[in-house]
């Protein structure tokens, strides 16, 4: 759900002459966003110095000014603000989306701060909230492990598609359910007004991603699928980035089942690293919708280097089940259970996590 405010001559005239305002295009400013509140109970092997309960919340506001020219060209920009951090009550607001866009018969161009193609449009299995294509790694926020779970557990698609550096994306028009996209990021970790032309100040540079997606229906069955490849040059002493991801979901009536697989090899490893598995993660899941209730379950298998990139071999098996109830339009509440079987450097730190999640979207 969105709320729209139309800005015309009268508004612009407050800051300029009416003659100037009359020459301006008519813009719609769309406001949207979401918020969640979570409560978690965690019981893990190593609970030394840790409480078993915790709360967390987040609020995001998306502002999208846009207009449509006489020739049909749609253009605008999008900014997503987040009230997310708050350690030691040092609260701050940042943004993880800040880009311009144009849509036309040629397709779509997006330029600015935005995540990669597979993160934005790639398909993974339905997660325990019943939201297909959306990664469900919230439970990891409550899991404490000095060495960290496998890095890929937080990168369920191509390895670095979650990087919101300044980039440019092109998407073709949709042809019979098919769409192809390409993205280019000059420097990993560089965004907004930062200008960085050096090759070895961040992990990757000249990062690119290509992806194809499909969505269609056949005799009551629905199919959505994607395949992506991401690559980049690495800083001296690190292995280049090379990552592939494929995923597909099939739906019928109120039931959906699907899965995905990502392989990233030794991307980002220190050159000459030994004894650490190639990075890969695969997921299978299903959900069933019954009126306002969604029941879902997933299994995830991840392995590769530890999340701290300390050169440790990590392996995780995650079993999850959840139920989500729609209280009213835009308001949901749910309960999920996650069992994490995790070993890092041969040390086990398994965990049982119960997460209560209430969300509001507008």
Foldseek 3Di string as FASTA:
>chain_A
DKDKDKDALVNVCVVPPSVVRNPDFIKIKIKWWKKKKKKKAKDKPDQVPHDRIDIAMKIKMKIWIWGADPVGKIWTWMWIKMFHDQVVHPTDIDTQGTWIWIQDQFFIKIWFFDFADCLVPAFFKQDQQRDTSHQDPVLVVVDDDPQAAAQCSVVVFWNRRRQRATKMKTKGDQDQFKIKMKMWDADGPHHDPDDDPDQAPDFWGGKMKIKMWGWDDDPQKIKIKMKMWIWTDGHPQFDTWTKIKIWMKMDHDFKIWIKMKMWTFRGGAGPPQPDAGGWMKMKIKMWGDDPQKIKMKMWMWTWTHGSVSPSKTKIKIKTKIKMKGAPDVQKIKMKMWIWIFMAINNRTMIMIMIMIMIMGID
